Amino acid sequence: MKFRSLFLAVSASLAIVPTLASAQAAYPTRAIKIIVPAPPGGAIDTIARVVGDKLAVSMGQPVVVDNRPGASNNLGTDVLAKSAPDGYTIGIVGGSHNINKYLFKNLGWDPEKSFEPIVYTHEVPLVFAIYPQIPAKTLPEFVAWMKANPNQAKVATSGRGSAQEMAAEMFRMASGTQMLLVPYKGSAAAHPDLLAGRTALYIDTISAIQSQVKAGNARAIAVSSRKRSTSLPDVPTADEQGLKGYDASTNGGFLAPAGTPKAIVAKLNADINAALKMPDVRAKLEAAGIEIQGGTPQEYAALIKSDLAKWGKVVKEAGIAAE
């Protein structure tokens, strides 16, 4: 009797295996949700919507973008971490994903352990935009001006833990300058003071500051990425101008909850990579100042690990305490 019960139990468990395998092979059979832990209109929201439209075609199922802003992008990321690992809820994150670990004590999720990397989608270079009346045309000239005018060396940021603040802290360390960081609630709030000369520098995203640069209201003297931006190809990098190794761009990609089957991750990776190569997708994203990436889940995992090490060092050296 015991043997019969054991036999039936084993048979039942074996019967489940092909059922699970066929379910994964048939993926997807219903709508996919992309969680965006930020408001509509930003870089990761734009990517989610543009790529999501292509995924809906390649996957043959609706793709819905679910904006969950709040708590420095932690709210939506927490929802993603706690979602079912079945491929029907995925998310896209930006640079704060690899910074917030050091700024908040009780996140409830880990940037590596709580997720399965799907694909590295983007890099958004930041622009060193200065008040145009400052007599500096290059980054070294601006550094010299800051050292000669410490009382005027005010740098706008987009608040605690923002990519702009981290870029400014990294700039301070690399250049050996002293500066006063002035926090604002985003680019729209920071621009008036920069354009009026009440702050000297704002390291902002290309999409946000580009119109002011082209109008002559701000001067672009460097970009924060290792490579020049396709949107501002004539503006040299900080690395080119003597700040060797400086790289403070914001970047990110798609993630799935930890435990999502590898076959599903591979399917999502292939379809998203294919979407990123489409001419219309590239045109839309590059127009928004987004540098398109792509690659394997393993490459994205390696990037997350290296970024965590980089920003952990910056936060520690800047003396920023976790809340």
Foldseek 3Di string as FASTA:
>chain_A
DVVVVVVVVVVVVVVVVVVVVVPLVLPPPEEAEEEEQADPDDQQNLLCVLLQVLCCVVRVYHYHYHYNYDDQSLRSVLVQLPDDLALRYKYKDKQLLLQQPQAADCSVDHSQQFWQFQKWWWWWKWFKWFALVPPDQAPVRVLVVCQVCVVQAEEEEQDPSDLFVLLVLLVCVLSVGDYHYDHDNDLVGPVVCRLVSVHTTTGGTCLSCVVCCVVVSIPTHAIQAPAAFPVCNVHHHVCVVPSPPGHSIMTITMIHTPPNDPSSSNVSLVSSQVSLPDPVNVVVSSVSRIDTDGDGSVVRSVVSVVSSVVSVVSCVVVVNHHD
